[in-house]
Structure formats: C-alpha cells, structure tokens
Amino acid sequence: MVRFTTKKIDSLTLGERMKKLRDERRLSLSEVSKGTKIQVKYLECLEDGVYLKLPADVYVKGFLRSYAIFMGLNELALIKQFEREKGIHKNIKKVADNEGSTEPIKFSSIVITPKTIIVSAILLVVVSSFIYLYMEVNNFVSKPRLSINTPVDGTTVTGSSTHVTGIAEKDAFVFINDQPVLVSEKGEFSEDVGLKSGLNVINVKARSKFDKEDMKAVSVNAVFEDDGASQAANDVPAQNDSAVAPESIKLDLYVNPNPTWMSVEADGNLVYSGVLLPQSVQTFNAKEKISITSGKGSETFIKINGKDLGVLSSDNGVVRDIMYDAKGKVDSAK
C-alpha cells in the first residue's frame, strides 16, 4: 500500500496575515498607524488586498519595512509576498479587461516600412537619452526641495512637544533633529518633536539620492504649564530648611541592533515619538517618572542616572507604558 503524507500549506494572504497579527496583539488600525507612521487608509488597503489603490511600490515597500520593525517581523518575507500577490492581481485585471474589450478593428492608412521603424527607433532613443541625462544632471547639481509648514519660526507653544509638518522632494530622505522620518508619496512628512522648556531649535534636513542636502531650522519657544507655578514657588521663602527635594531622573535610551519606533513621556508630557536608530543615544530628564513605549522591548536598553538597567523588556514585540523613577523600573502592580 502506498502511503501519502499531508503537508499543511499556509494559505493566508498578506492582508489576512496582517489583520490576524493585529487582532492577536489587540491593536487598532490607528495604533498601528501611529506606531508605523503609515496612513490608516493604506493599512486598510493592505489588509483588504486592494493593491491597485496603493501608491508606488517603492513607498509600499517602505510601509512594509516600517510595519515589520513595529511588529518584529521579517521585512523581506512581507515584501516578497506583496510583490507576488500584486502580480497576480495585475494578471487578473488584464484578463478581465481583454475579455470586456469589444472595440472594432481599425486599419491605419500609414505605410510602415523597415526604414521607418529604424528611423523612429533611433529618434526615440536619442530623445529619451537626452531627457534622461537632463533630469539626472539637474537632480545631481540641485538641492532637494524642502519647506516647513508648521511650526512657524519664532512661535511660542504651551507644552513639551510640537507637531512638525512639511514637504520635501518626492524621493528624498528627511531627518528631524538627525532622526529619520517617513515621507509620503506626495513628499509630505509629519512628526511629533519633544521640547525642553525655553528656546528650542528644530533642524529639518532633506537628502537626495545623489547626497545633495538642504537644511532648514525653526525656533520654538516652549512654555510648560507648571513653569509659572514653579517660579511662584521659588519666590516664596522656604519654611522648612530640612526638606529635601526628591531625586531627579536622567534616563539614557538606545536600541540595538535594529531601528525601533518608540515614544517617551516625562512626568506625563510627551517628549519623544519616532524611530530611534541603533547609533543614536537619547537622554531624557524628569522630576518624578518616565514612561516608555517601544516597538521591540528586547532591543531597547535603559540607563537610569548612569546605572545600566539592561533591556526594557524580554518581550520581542511591542511593550507599552513601562514606568521608571529615580530608583529604577516601577512595578506596575504597585
């Protein structure tokens, strides 16, 4: 008797896989959008398999890379599955279009000879080469387009963060205070930037594929809500000289080995939100507590007041609202 072995085949599409993973982690589309900087409408298109409404492939691959970093997945596997499924969708659409076409056959009065074909081909090659060279030279010698919409230079904001928006060259890489941000297919970018009390200078840089750069800076004056109360308290004579101020918190944060999205709140105020690069160390200060949310807890490392506390969490995926005070990690059960 011949025995047959059965092999289980994973028949989930990319969209079904993404939706299942999001449901398992109990994340909403808006939460994934905030963590990956991908617009909700594009996440819906990916989950529903509506590939024809997505932007150019180069941006979709960027979306999938950000999604893979946020979810802790293999980005190459996601991209390959997307390319395979999109090819299938295109082939199905071509067949449907051909079957629905009933246009009558038209005969041209132009006589096409081998000489005509050769001359036309040569002209096409010459014109295409000239246009290509012109565009490449123009891109090589010129700086990428960059403009900042908000905030306006010299503005004053209340709080510990501000929303930076602007427009850059379509294929440019954008950095805000040396941290990379995602750029849409229209060249638009937006990012929340943490502020310190007083004058802040926000540097925005755009870099083209030819390594040409353009940089702009805006000055923002941040006024914290408790600044007035603190100043008033400082003006009141001390009634108890024996009182000791609580120990402040200095937290050093870095990731290794992959770029990881995270957000940091100091004393209840958002001070950072974005993708942290492995070679970058961010330092945050607080009076009472610091809360950290990371896209990959096992690759996020913490130091409190110079003391190395190791990884944020042993969890390889998303960890939320991990609290620290001057003594170290705060037990959530307390």
C-alpha atoms as a PDB file:
ATOM      1  CA  MET A   1       0.000   0.000   0.000  1.00  0.00           C
ATOM      2  CA  VAL A   2       1.262   3.428  -0.921  1.00  0.00           C
ATOM      3  CA  ARG A   3       1.070   5.933   1.924  1.00  0.00           C
ATOM      4  CA  PHE A   4       0.658   9.603   1.316  1.00  0.00           C
ATOM      5  CA  THR A   5       1.875  12.303   3.646  1.00  0.00           C
ATOM      6  CA  THR A   6      -0.034  15.528   4.079  1.00  0.00           C
ATOM      7  CA  LYS A   7       1.617  18.935   4.273  1.00  0.00           C
ATOM      8  CA  LYS A   8      -0.118  21.939   5.798  1.00  0.00           C
ATOM      9  CA  ILE A   9       0.013  24.957   3.470  1.00  0.00           C
ATOM     10  CA  ASP A  10      -0.325  28.442   4.885  1.00  0.00           C
ATOM     11  CA  SER A  11      -2.979  29.939   2.619  1.00  0.00           C
ATOM     12  CA  LEU A  12      -3.252  33.290   4.363  1.00  0.00           C
ATOM     13  CA  THR A  13      -2.850  36.318   2.123  1.00  0.00           C
ATOM     14  CA  LEU A  14      -0.677  39.227   3.183  1.00  0.00           C
ATOM     15  CA  GLY A  15      -3.725  41.223   4.258  1.00  0.00           C
ATOM     16  CA  GLU A  16      -5.201  38.316   6.222  1.00  0.00           C
ATOM     17  CA  ARG A  17      -1.840  37.753   7.886  1.00  0.00           C
ATOM     18  CA  MET A  18      -1.540  41.445   8.878  1.00  0.00           C
ATOM     19  CA  LYS A  19      -5.102  41.570  10.220  1.00  0.00           C
ATOM     20  CA  LYS A  20      -4.647  38.337  12.175  1.00  0.00           C
ATOM     21  CA  LEU A  21      -1.398  39.589  13.721  1.00  0.00           C
ATOM     22  CA  ARG A  22      -3.029  42.917  14.648  1.00  0.00           C
ATOM     23  CA  ASP A  23      -6.015  41.146  16.219  1.00  0.00           C
ATOM     24  CA  GLU A  24      -3.728  38.838  18.211  1.00  0.00           C
ATOM     25  CA  ARG A  25      -1.889  41.838  19.647  1.00  0.00           C
ATOM     26  CA  ARG A  26      -5.153  43.726  20.214  1.00  0.00           C
ATOM     27  CA  LEU A  27      -4.029  46.735  18.239  1.00  0.00           C
ATOM     28  CA  SER A  28      -6.343  49.073  16.347  1.00  0.00           C
ATOM     29  CA  LEU A  29      -5.555  50.455  12.900  1.00  0.00           C
ATOM     30  CA  SER A  30      -4.991  53.890  14.417  1.00  0.00           C
ATOM     31  CA  GLU A  31      -2.490  52.457  16.934  1.00  0.00           C
ATOM     32  CA  VAL A  32      -0.566  50.704  14.156  1.00  0.00           C
ATOM     33  CA  SER A  33      -0.710  53.903  12.090  1.00  0.00           C
ATOM     34  CA  LYS A  34       0.735  55.930  14.982  1.00  0.00           C
ATOM     35  CA  GLY A  35       3.500  53.383  15.560  1.00  0.00           C
ATOM     36  CA  THR A  36       4.493  52.996  11.890  1.00  0.00           C
ATOM     37  CA  LYS A  37       3.603  56.467  10.503  1.00  0.00           C
ATOM     38  CA  ILE A  38       1.528  54.710   7.782  1.00  0.00           C
ATOM     39  CA  GLN A  39      -1.810  56.335   6.952  1.00  0.00           C
ATOM     40  CA  VAL A  40      -4.844  54.316   8.068  1.00  0.00           C
ATOM     41  CA  LYS A  41      -6.271  54.227   4.517  1.00  0.00           C
ATOM     42  CA  TYR A  42      -3.117  52.473   3.250  1.00  0.00           C
ATOM     43  CA  LEU A  43      -3.207  49.968   6.125  1.00  0.00           C
ATOM     44  CA  GLU A  44      -6.836  49.222   5.209  1.00  0.00           C
ATOM     45  CA  CYS A  45      -5.863  48.698   1.547  1.00  0.00           C
ATOM     46  CA  LEU A  46      -3.093  46.279   2.570  1.00  0.00           C
ATOM     47  CA  GLU A  47      -5.375  44.308   4.902  1.00  0.00           C
ATOM     48  CA  ASP A  48      -8.214  44.215   2.318  1.00  0.00           C
ATOM     49  CA  GLY A  49      -5.824  43.291  -0.513  1.00  0.00           C
ATOM     50  CA  VAL A  50      -6.794  46.354  -2.574  1.00  0.00           C
ATOM     51  CA  TYR A  51      -3.312  46.790  -4.052  1.00  0.00           C
ATOM     52  CA  LEU A  52      -4.390  48.923  -7.020  1.00  0.00           C
ATOM     53  CA  LYS A  53      -5.292  51.808  -4.660  1.00  0.00           C
ATOM     54  CA  LEU A  54      -1.855  51.822  -3.014  1.00  0.00           C
ATOM     55  CA  PRO A  55       0.888  54.317  -4.004  1.00  0.00           C
ATOM     56  CA  ALA A  56       4.012  53.356  -5.978  1.00  0.00           C
ATOM     57  CA  ASP A  57       5.752  50.122  -4.961  1.00  0.00           C
ATOM     58  CA  VAL A  58       8.774  51.956  -3.523  1.00  0.00           C
ATOM     59  CA  TYR A  59       6.508  53.583  -0.907  1.00  0.00           C
ATOM     60  CA  VAL A  60       4.592  50.368  -0.193  1.00  0.00           C
ATOM     61  CA  LYS A  61       7.897  48.588   0.451  1.00  0.00           C
ATOM     62  CA  GLY A  62       8.790  51.398   2.835  1.00  0.00           C
ATOM     63  CA  PHE A  63       5.437  50.891   4.580  1.00  0.00           C
ATOM     64  CA  LEU A  64       6.128  47.159   4.926  1.00  0.00           C
ATOM     65  CA  ARG A  65       9.617  47.811   6.332  1.00  0.00           C
ATOM     66  CA  SER A  66       8.175  50.145   8.987  1.00  0.00           C
ATOM     67  CA  TYR A  67       5.394  47.622   9.692  1.00  0.00           C
ATOM     68  CA  ALA A  68       7.938  44.786  10.055  1.00  0.00           C
ATOM     69  CA  ILE A  69      10.055  46.826  12.501  1.00  0.00           C
ATOM     70  CA  PHE A  70       6.979  47.753  14.560  1.00  0.00           C
ATOM     71  CA  MET A  71       5.612  44.184  14.657  1.00  0.00           C
ATOM     72  CA  GLY A  72       9.002  42.425  14.885  1.00  0.00           C
ATOM     73  CA  LEU A  73       8.650  40.558  11.556  1.00  0.00           C
ATOM     74  CA  ASN A  74      10.919  39.655   8.633  1.00  0.00           C
ATOM     75  CA  GLU A  75      10.578  42.579   6.212  1.00  0.00           C
ATOM     76  CA  LEU A  76      11.873  40.584   3.184  1.00  0.00           C
ATOM     77  CA  ALA A  77       9.147  37.954   3.606  1.00  0.00           C
ATOM     78  CA  LEU A  78       6.431  40.647   3.705  1.00  0.00           C
ATOM     79  CA  ILE A  79       7.807  42.427   0.630  1.00  0.00           C
ATOM     80  CA  LYS A  80       8.120  39.189  -1.397  1.00  0.00           C
ATOM     81  CA  GLN A  81       4.544  38.174  -0.551  1.00  0.00           C
ATOM     82  CA  PHE A  82       3.294  41.642  -1.542  1.00  0.00           C
ATOM     83  CA  GLU A  83       5.123  41.523  -4.902  1.00  0.00           C
ATOM     84  CA  ARG A  84       3.774  38.034  -5.625  1.00  0.00           C
ATOM     85  CA  GLU A  85       0.161  38.910  -4.784  1.00  0.00           C
ATOM     86  CA  LYS A  86       0.249  42.229  -6.638  1.00  0.00           C
ATOM     87  CA  GLY A  87       1.492  40.424  -9.769  1.00  0.00           C
ATOM     88  CA  ILE A  88      -1.462  38.037  -9.520  1.00  0.00           C
ATOM     89  CA  HIS A  89      -3.878  40.980  -9.174  1.00  0.00           C
ATOM     90  CA  LYS A  90      -2.417  42.672 -12.265  1.00  0.00           C
ATOM     91  CA  ASN A  91      -2.724  39.498 -14.361  1.00  0.00           C
ATOM     92  CA  ILE A  92      -6.362  39.026 -13.310  1.00  0.00           C
ATOM     93  CA  LYS A  93      -7.170  42.643 -14.225  1.00  0.00           C
ATOM     94  CA  LYS A  94      -5.526  42.270 -17.660  1.00  0.00           C
ATOM     95  CA  VAL A  95      -7.594  39.157 -18.437  1.00  0.00           C
ATOM     96  CA  ALA A  96     -10.816  40.916 -17.357  1.00  0.00           C
ATOM     97  CA  ASP A  97     -10.004  43.995 -19.437  1.00  0.00           C
ATOM     98  CA  ASN A  98      -9.237  41.906 -22.533  1.00  0.00           C
ATOM     99  CA  GLU A  99     -12.447  39.892 -22.214  1.00  0.00           C
ATOM    100  CA  GLY A 100     -14.544  43.056 -21.889  1.00  0.00           C
ATOM    101  CA  SER A 101     -12.987  44.782 -24.877  1.00  0.00           C
ATOM    102  CA  THR A 102     -15.189  44.842 -27.984  1.00  0.00           C
ATOM    103  CA  GLU A 103     -13.586  47.664 -29.949  1.00  0.00           C
ATOM    104  CA  PRO A 104     -13.709  47.241 -33.741  1.00  0.00           C
ATOM    105  CA  ILE A 105     -10.509  46.609 -35.641  1.00  0.00           C
ATOM    106  CA  LYS A 106      -9.135  49.775 -37.237  1.00  0.00           C
ATOM    107  CA  PHE A 107      -6.734  49.798 -40.162  1.00  0.00           C
ATOM    108  CA  SER A 108      -4.198  52.577 -40.430  1.00  0.00           C
ATOM    109  CA  SER A 109      -3.545  54.323 -43.733  1.00  0.00           C
ATOM    110  CA  ILE A 110       0.113  54.844 -42.788  1.00  0.00           C
ATOM    111  CA  VAL A 111       2.516  52.531 -44.557  1.00  0.00           C
ATOM    112  CA  ILE A 112       5.156  51.197 -42.167  1.00  0.00           C
ATOM    113  CA  THR A 113       8.440  50.177 -43.765  1.00  0.00           C
ATOM    114  CA  PRO A 114      11.659  48.828 -42.186  1.00  0.00           C
ATOM    115  CA  LYS A 115      13.301  52.197 -42.825  1.00  0.00           C
ATOM    116  CA  THR A 116      10.516  53.998 -40.955  1.00  0.00           C
ATOM    117  CA  ILE A 117      10.870  51.646 -37.994  1.00  0.00           C
ATOM    118  CA  ILE A 118      14.662  52.118 -37.795  1.00  0.00           C
ATOM    119  CA  VAL A 119      14.497  55.934 -38.039  1.00  0.00           C
ATOM    120  CA  SER A 120      11.734  56.114 -35.426  1.00  0.00           C
ATOM    121  CA  ALA A 121      13.648  53.849 -33.063  1.00  0.00           C
ATOM    122  CA  ILE A 122      16.828  55.953 -33.400  1.00  0.00           C
ATOM    123  CA  LEU A 123      14.907  59.189 -32.767  1.00  0.00           C
ATOM    124  CA  LEU A 124      13.178  57.676 -29.756  1.00  0.00           C
ATOM    125  CA  VAL A 125      16.490  56.515 -28.264  1.00  0.00           C
ATOM    126  CA  VAL A 126      18.136  59.919 -28.840  1.00  0.00           C
ATOM    127  CA  VAL A 127      15.241  61.897 -27.339  1.00  0.00           C
ATOM    128  CA  SER A 128      14.906  59.524 -24.365  1.00  0.00           C
ATOM    129  CA  SER A 129      18.649  59.664 -23.688  1.00  0.00           C
ATOM    130  CA  PHE A 130      18.641  63.470 -23.792  1.00  0.00           C
ATOM    131  CA  ILE A 131      15.686  63.721 -21.397  1.00  0.00           C
ATOM    132  CA  TYR A 132      17.236  61.177 -19.019  1.00  0.00           C
ATOM    133  CA  LEU A 133      20.630  62.923 -18.981  1.00  0.00           C
ATOM    134  CA  TYR A 134      18.998  66.312 -18.445  1.00  0.00           C
ATOM    135  CA  MET A 135      16.974  65.061 -15.479  1.00  0.00           C
ATOM    136  CA  GLU A 136      19.929  63.251 -13.918  1.00  0.00           C
ATOM    137  CA  VAL A 137      22.259  66.253 -14.255  1.00  0.00           C
ATOM    138  CA  ASN A 138      19.589  68.591 -12.902  1.00  0.00           C
ATOM    139  CA  ASN A 139      18.993  66.334  -9.895  1.00  0.00           C
ATOM    140  CA  PHE A 140      22.718  65.932  -9.309  1.00  0.00           C
ATOM    141  CA  VAL A 141      23.556  69.630  -9.184  1.00  0.00           C
ATOM    142  CA  SER A 142      20.437  70.936  -7.408  1.00  0.00           C
ATOM    143  CA  LYS A 143      19.412  70.669  -3.782  1.00  0.00           C
ATOM    144  CA  PRO A 144      16.248  68.723  -2.945  1.00  0.00           C
ATOM    145  CA  ARG A 145      13.111  70.763  -2.375  1.00  0.00           C
ATOM    146  CA  LEU A 146      12.310  71.329   1.316  1.00  0.00           C
ATOM    147  CA  SER A 147       9.761  73.531   3.083  1.00  0.00           C
ATOM    148  CA  ILE A 148       8.435  73.529   6.655  1.00  0.00           C
ATOM    149  CA  ASN A 149       4.732  74.259   7.097  1.00  0.00           C
ATOM    150  CA  THR A 150       4.479  74.079  10.900  1.00  0.00           C
ATOM    151  CA  PRO A 151       5.593  75.318  13.325  1.00  0.00           C
ATOM    152  CA  VAL A 152       6.287  78.892  12.183  1.00  0.00           C
ATOM    153  CA  ASP A 153       9.752  80.172  13.072  1.00  0.00           C
ATOM    154  CA  GLY A 154       9.707  82.094  16.357  1.00  0.00           C
ATOM    155  CA  THR A 155       6.379  80.713  17.529  1.00  0.00           C
ATOM    156  CA  THR A 156       5.582  80.012  21.202  1.00  0.00           C
ATOM    157  CA  VAL A 157       3.856  76.779  22.236  1.00  0.00           C
ATOM    158  CA  THR A 158       2.488  75.550  25.542  1.00  0.00           C
ATOM    159  CA  GLY A 159       3.594  72.033  26.370  1.00  0.00           C
ATOM    160  CA  SER A 160       6.547  69.712  25.934  1.00  0.00           C
ATOM    161  CA  SER A 161       6.084  68.797  22.247  1.00  0.00           C
ATOM    162  CA  THR A 162       5.135  70.287  18.873  1.00  0.00           C
ATOM    163  CA  HIS A 163       3.964  68.823  15.560  1.00  0.00           C
ATOM    164  CA  VAL A 164       6.387  69.405  12.671  1.00  0.00           C
ATOM    165  CA  THR A 165       4.965  69.167   9.117  1.00  0.00           C
ATOM    166  CA  GLY A 166       6.368  69.998   5.719  1.00  0.00           C
ATOM    167  CA  ILE A 167       7.010  68.978   2.117  1.00  0.00           C
ATOM    168  CA  ALA A 168      10.223  67.599   0.621  1.00  0.00           C
ATOM    169  CA  GLU A 169      11.425  66.203  -2.707  1.00  0.00           C
ATOM    170  CA  LYS A 170       9.466  63.086  -3.627  1.00  0.00           C
ATOM    171  CA  ASP A 171      12.376  60.621  -3.330  1.00  0.00           C
ATOM    172  CA  ALA A 172      14.343  62.496  -0.638  1.00  0.00           C
ATOM    173  CA  PHE A 173      15.235  61.199   2.816  1.00  0.00           C
ATOM    174  CA  VAL A 174      14.076  63.550   5.593  1.00  0.00           C
ATOM    175  CA  PHE A 175      15.604  63.907   9.057  1.00  0.00           C
ATOM    176  CA  ILE A 176      14.287  65.942  12.001  1.00  0.00           C
ATOM    177  CA  ASN A 177      16.993  66.612  14.603  1.00  0.00           C
ATOM    178  CA  ASP A 178      19.027  63.842  12.874  1.00  0.00           C
ATOM    179  CA  GLN A 179      16.201  61.292  13.318  1.00  0.00           C
ATOM    180  CA  PRO A 180      14.734  59.821  10.073  1.00  0.00           C
ATOM    181  CA  VAL A 181      11.028  60.342   9.347  1.00  0.00           C
ATOM    182  CA  LEU A 182       8.740  58.758   6.768  1.00  0.00           C
ATOM    183  CA  VAL A 183       7.851  60.706   3.617  1.00  0.00           C
ATOM    184  CA  SER A 184       4.568  60.082   1.758  1.00  0.00           C
ATOM    185  CA  GLU A 185       4.254  59.556  -1.995  1.00  0.00           C
ATOM    186  CA  LYS A 186       3.470  63.283  -2.266  1.00  0.00           C
ATOM    187  CA  GLY A 187       6.618  64.284  -0.393  1.00  0.00           C
ATOM    188  CA  GLU A 188       4.718  65.196   2.789  1.00  0.00           C
ATOM    189  CA  PHE A 189       6.122  64.429   6.239  1.00  0.00           C
ATOM    190  CA  SER A 190       4.985  64.972   9.844  1.00  0.00           C
ATOM    191  CA  GLU A 191       6.484  64.147  13.243  1.00  0.00           C
ATOM    192  CA  ASP A 192       5.941  65.000  16.922  1.00  0.00           C
ATOM    193  CA  VAL A 193       9.108  66.555  18.386  1.00  0.00           C
ATOM    194  CA  GLY A 194       9.798  66.809  22.111  1.00  0.00           C
ATOM    195  CA  LEU A 195      10.740  70.218  23.523  1.00  0.00           C
ATOM    196  CA  LYS A 196      12.585  71.474  26.557  1.00  0.00           C
ATOM    197  CA  SER A 197      11.428  74.499  28.492  1.00  0.00           C
ATOM    198  CA  GLY A 198      12.584  77.713  26.827  1.00  0.00           C
ATOM    199  CA  LEU A 199      14.088  78.205  23.377  1.00  0.00           C
ATOM    200  CA  ASN A 200      14.337  75.141  21.085  1.00  0.00           C
ATOM    201  CA  VAL A 201      15.874  74.915  17.614  1.00  0.00           C
ATOM    202  CA  ILE A 202      14.402  72.217  15.358  1.00  0.00           C
ATOM    203  CA  ASN A 203      16.637  71.225  12.421  1.00  0.00           C
ATOM    204  CA  VAL A 204      14.997  69.624   9.373  1.00  0.00           C
ATOM    205  CA  LYS A 205      17.216  68.134   6.652  1.00  0.00           C
ATOM    206  CA  ALA A 206      16.363  66.639   3.237  1.00  0.00           C
ATOM    207  CA  ARG A 207      18.881  64.447   1.386  1.00  0.00           C
ATOM    208  CA  SER A 208      18.507  63.433  -2.270  1.00  0.00           C
ATOM    209  CA  LYS A 209      19.638  60.122  -3.754  1.00  0.00           C
ATOM    210  CA  PHE A 210      22.707  61.994  -5.033  1.00  0.00           C
ATOM    211  CA  ASP A 211      23.588  63.001  -1.425  1.00  0.00           C
ATOM    212  CA  LYS A 212      22.707  66.648  -2.042  1.00  0.00           C
ATOM    213  CA  GLU A 213      21.259  68.203   1.114  1.00  0.00           C
ATOM    214  CA  ASP A 214      19.101  71.130   2.086  1.00  0.00           C
ATOM    215  CA  MET A 215      18.548  72.101   5.719  1.00  0.00           C
ATOM    216  CA  LYS A 216      16.129  74.460   7.412  1.00  0.00           C
ATOM    217  CA  ALA A 217      15.762  75.388  11.068  1.00  0.00           C
ATOM    218  CA  VAL A 218      12.868  76.821  13.059  1.00  0.00           C
ATOM    219  CA  SER A 219      12.995  78.281  16.563  1.00  0.00           C
ATOM    220  CA  VAL A 220      10.242  77.367  19.016  1.00  0.00           C
ATOM    221  CA  ASN A 221       9.807  78.788  22.499  1.00  0.00           C
ATOM    222  CA  ALA A 222       8.228  76.174  24.805  1.00  0.00           C
ATOM    223  CA  VAL A 223       6.329  77.197  27.920  1.00  0.00           C
ATOM    224  CA  PHE A 224       5.438  74.343  30.265  1.00  0.00           C
ATOM    225  CA  GLU A 225       2.191  74.630  32.187  1.00  0.00           C
ATOM    226  CA  ASP A 226       3.934  74.231  35.540  1.00  0.00           C
ATOM    227  CA  ASP A 227       6.622  76.852  34.796  1.00  0.00           C
ATOM    228  CA  GLY A 228       4.564  79.660  36.339  1.00  0.00           C
ATOM    229  CA  ALA A 229       3.761  77.605  39.407  1.00  0.00           C
ATOM    230  CA  SER A 230       7.408  76.632  39.793  1.00  0.00           C
ATOM    231  CA  GLN A 231       8.519  80.241  39.513  1.00  0.00           C
ATOM    232  CA  ALA A 232       5.942  81.308  42.111  1.00  0.00           C
ATOM    233  CA  ALA A 233       7.117  78.562  44.413  1.00  0.00           C
ATOM    234  CA  ASN A 234      10.690  79.731  44.032  1.00  0.00           C
ATOM    235  CA  ASP A 235       9.655  83.262  45.057  1.00  0.00           C
ATOM    236  CA  VAL A 236       8.136  82.031  48.352  1.00  0.00           C
ATOM    237  CA  PRO A 237      10.661  81.831  51.218  1.00  0.00           C
ATOM    238  CA  ALA A 238      11.373  78.283  52.328  1.00  0.00           C
ATOM    239  CA  GLN A 239       9.546  77.422  55.548  1.00  0.00           C
ATOM    240  CA  ASN A 240      11.377  74.177  56.245  1.00  0.00           C
ATOM    241  CA  ASP A 241      15.095  74.174  55.526  1.00  0.00           C
ATOM    242  CA  SER A 242      15.317  70.482  56.371  1.00  0.00           C
ATOM    243  CA  ALA A 243      13.078  69.473  53.423  1.00  0.00           C
ATOM    244  CA  VAL A 244      14.984  67.542  50.736  1.00  0.00           C
ATOM    245  CA  ALA A 245      13.927  67.741  47.084  1.00  0.00           C
ATOM    246  CA  PRO A 246      13.181  64.361  45.512  1.00  0.00           C
ATOM    247  CA  GLU A 247      15.931  62.882  43.340  1.00  0.00           C
ATOM    248  CA  SER A 248      15.534  63.777  39.670  1.00  0.00           C
ATOM    249  CA  ILE A 249      15.681  61.208  36.848  1.00  0.00           C
ATOM    250  CA  LYS A 250      18.158  61.121  33.990  1.00  0.00           C
ATOM    251  CA  LEU A 251      17.339  58.326  31.546  1.00  0.00           C
ATOM    252  CA  ASP A 252      19.630  57.250  28.688  1.00  0.00           C
ATOM    253  CA  LEU A 253      17.864  55.272  25.940  1.00  0.00           C
ATOM    254  CA  TYR A 254      19.288  53.391  22.949  1.00  0.00           C
ATOM    255  CA  VAL A 255      18.373  50.444  20.676  1.00  0.00           C
ATOM    256  CA  ASN A 256      20.379  47.580  19.202  1.00  0.00           C
ATOM    257  CA  PRO A 257      20.681  46.154  16.560  1.00  0.00           C
ATOM    258  CA  ASN A 258      17.603  47.395  14.594  1.00  0.00           C
ATOM    259  CA  PRO A 259      15.865  50.785  14.253  1.00  0.00           C
ATOM    260  CA  THR A 260      12.859  50.794  16.573  1.00  0.00           C
ATOM    261  CA  TRP A 261       9.845  53.073  16.940  1.00  0.00           C
ATOM    262  CA  MET A 262       9.118  54.354  20.436  1.00  0.00           C
ATOM    263  CA  SER A 263       7.518  57.140  22.451  1.00  0.00           C
ATOM    264  CA  VAL A 264       8.696  58.646  25.751  1.00  0.00           C
ATOM    265  CA  GLU A 265       6.678  60.616  28.310  1.00  0.00           C
ATOM    266  CA  ALA A 266       8.356  62.581  31.128  1.00  0.00           C
ATOM    267  CA  ASP A 267       6.112  63.477  34.090  1.00  0.00           C
ATOM    268  CA  GLY A 268       3.066  62.892  31.873  1.00  0.00           C
ATOM    269  CA  ASN A 269       4.285  65.018  28.934  1.00  0.00           C
ATOM    270  CA  LEU A 270       5.200  63.515  25.534  1.00  0.00           C
ATOM    271  CA  VAL A 271       8.861  64.363  24.886  1.00  0.00           C
ATOM    272  CA  TYR A 272       9.718  61.965  22.035  1.00  0.00           C
ATOM    273  CA  SER A 273       7.933  59.983  19.347  1.00  0.00           C
ATOM    274  CA  GLY A 274       9.703  58.460  16.364  1.00  0.00           C
ATOM    275  CA  VAL A 275      12.117  55.832  15.052  1.00  0.00           C
ATOM    276  CA  LEU A 276      15.351  55.572  17.042  1.00  0.00           C
ATOM    277  CA  LEU A 277      18.480  54.469  15.162  1.00  0.00           C
ATOM    278  CA  PRO A 278      20.968  51.986  16.693  1.00  0.00           C
ATOM    279  CA  GLN A 279      23.848  54.515  16.731  1.00  0.00           C
ATOM    280  CA  SER A 280      21.768  57.186  18.495  1.00  0.00           C
ATOM    281  CA  VAL A 281      21.540  57.620  22.279  1.00  0.00           C
ATOM    282  CA  GLN A 282      18.681  59.787  23.553  1.00  0.00           C
ATOM    283  CA  THR A 283      18.733  61.349  27.024  1.00  0.00           C
ATOM    284  CA  PHE A 284      15.584  62.413  28.890  1.00  0.00           C
ATOM    285  CA  ASN A 285      15.105  64.151  32.240  1.00  0.00           C
ATOM    286  CA  ALA A 286      12.147  64.113  34.611  1.00  0.00           C
ATOM    287  CA  LYS A 287      11.289  65.042  38.168  1.00  0.00           C
ATOM    288  CA  GLU A 288       9.186  62.020  39.136  1.00  0.00           C
ATOM    289  CA  LYS A 289       8.704  59.395  36.425  1.00  0.00           C
ATOM    290  CA  ILE A 290       9.397  58.464  32.803  1.00  0.00           C
ATOM    291  CA  SER A 291       7.157  56.150  30.744  1.00  0.00           C
ATOM    292  CA  ILE A 292       8.431  54.285  27.652  1.00  0.00           C
ATOM    293  CA  THR A 293       6.552  52.505  24.854  1.00  0.00           C
ATOM    294  CA  SER A 294       8.728  50.553  22.393  1.00  0.00           C
ATOM    295  CA  GLY A 295       8.048  48.575  19.221  1.00  0.00           C
ATOM    296  CA  LYS A 296      10.641  45.983  20.279  1.00  0.00           C
ATOM    297  CA  GLY A 297      11.182  45.684  24.024  1.00  0.00           C
ATOM    298  CA  SER A 298      14.052  43.171  23.866  1.00  0.00           C
ATOM    299  CA  GLU A 299      16.161  45.510  21.690  1.00  0.00           C
ATOM    300  CA  THR A 300      15.645  48.635  23.817  1.00  0.00           C
ATOM    301  CA  PHE A 301      18.236  49.406  26.535  1.00  0.00           C
ATOM    302  CA  ILE A 302      17.936  51.684  29.576  1.00  0.00           C
ATOM    303  CA  LYS A 303      20.247  53.568  31.937  1.00  0.00           C
ATOM    304  CA  ILE A 304      18.904  55.476  34.967  1.00  0.00           C
ATOM    305  CA  ASN A 305      21.189  58.118  36.489  1.00  0.00           C
ATOM    306  CA  GLY A 306      24.176  56.339  34.968  1.00  0.00           C
ATOM    307  CA  LYS A 307      23.162  52.856  36.192  1.00  0.00           C
ATOM    308  CA  ASP A 308      22.764  50.264  33.414  1.00  0.00           C
ATOM    309  CA  LEU A 309      19.388  48.504  33.814  1.00  0.00           C
ATOM    310  CA  GLY A 310      19.664  46.360  30.665  1.00  0.00           C
ATOM    311  CA  VAL A 311      16.771  45.716  28.280  1.00  0.00           C
ATOM    312  CA  LEU A 312      13.392  47.383  28.609  1.00  0.00           C
ATOM    313  CA  SER A 313      11.596  44.029  28.438  1.00  0.00           C
ATOM    314  CA  SER A 314      12.221  40.411  27.488  1.00  0.00           C
ATOM    315  CA  ASP A 315       9.251  40.643  25.107  1.00  0.00           C
ATOM    316  CA  ASN A 316      10.328  40.687  21.428  1.00  0.00           C
ATOM    317  CA  GLY A 317       7.255  42.652  20.373  1.00  0.00           C
ATOM    318  CA  VAL A 318       5.515  45.849  21.401  1.00  0.00           C
ATOM    319  CA  VAL A 319       5.678  46.835  25.085  1.00  0.00           C
ATOM    320  CA  ARG A 320       3.669  49.736  26.443  1.00  0.00           C
ATOM    321  CA  ASP A 321       3.958  52.266  29.268  1.00  0.00           C
ATOM    322  CA  ILE A 322       6.975  50.802  31.088  1.00  0.00           C
ATOM    323  CA  MET A 323       7.481  53.177  34.042  1.00  0.00           C
ATOM    324  CA  TYR A 324      10.762  54.281  35.650  1.00  0.00           C
ATOM    325  CA  ASP A 325      11.590  56.502  38.602  1.00  0.00           C
ATOM    326  CA  ALA A 326      14.941  57.516  40.124  1.00  0.00           C
ATOM    327  CA  LYS A 327      15.340  54.048  41.694  1.00  0.00           C
ATOM    328  CA  GLY A 328      14.640  52.062  38.526  1.00  0.00           C
ATOM    329  CA  LYS A 329      11.687  50.244  36.999  1.00  0.00           C
ATOM    330  CA  VAL A 330       8.383  50.771  38.770  1.00  0.00           C
ATOM    331  CA  ASP A 331       6.342  47.633  39.413  1.00  0.00           C
ATOM    332  CA  SER A 332       3.005  48.070  37.600  1.00  0.00           C
ATOM    333  CA  ALA A 333       1.286  46.077  40.353  1.00  0.00           C
ATOM    334  CA  LYS A 334       2.066  48.772  42.914  1.00  0.00           C
END
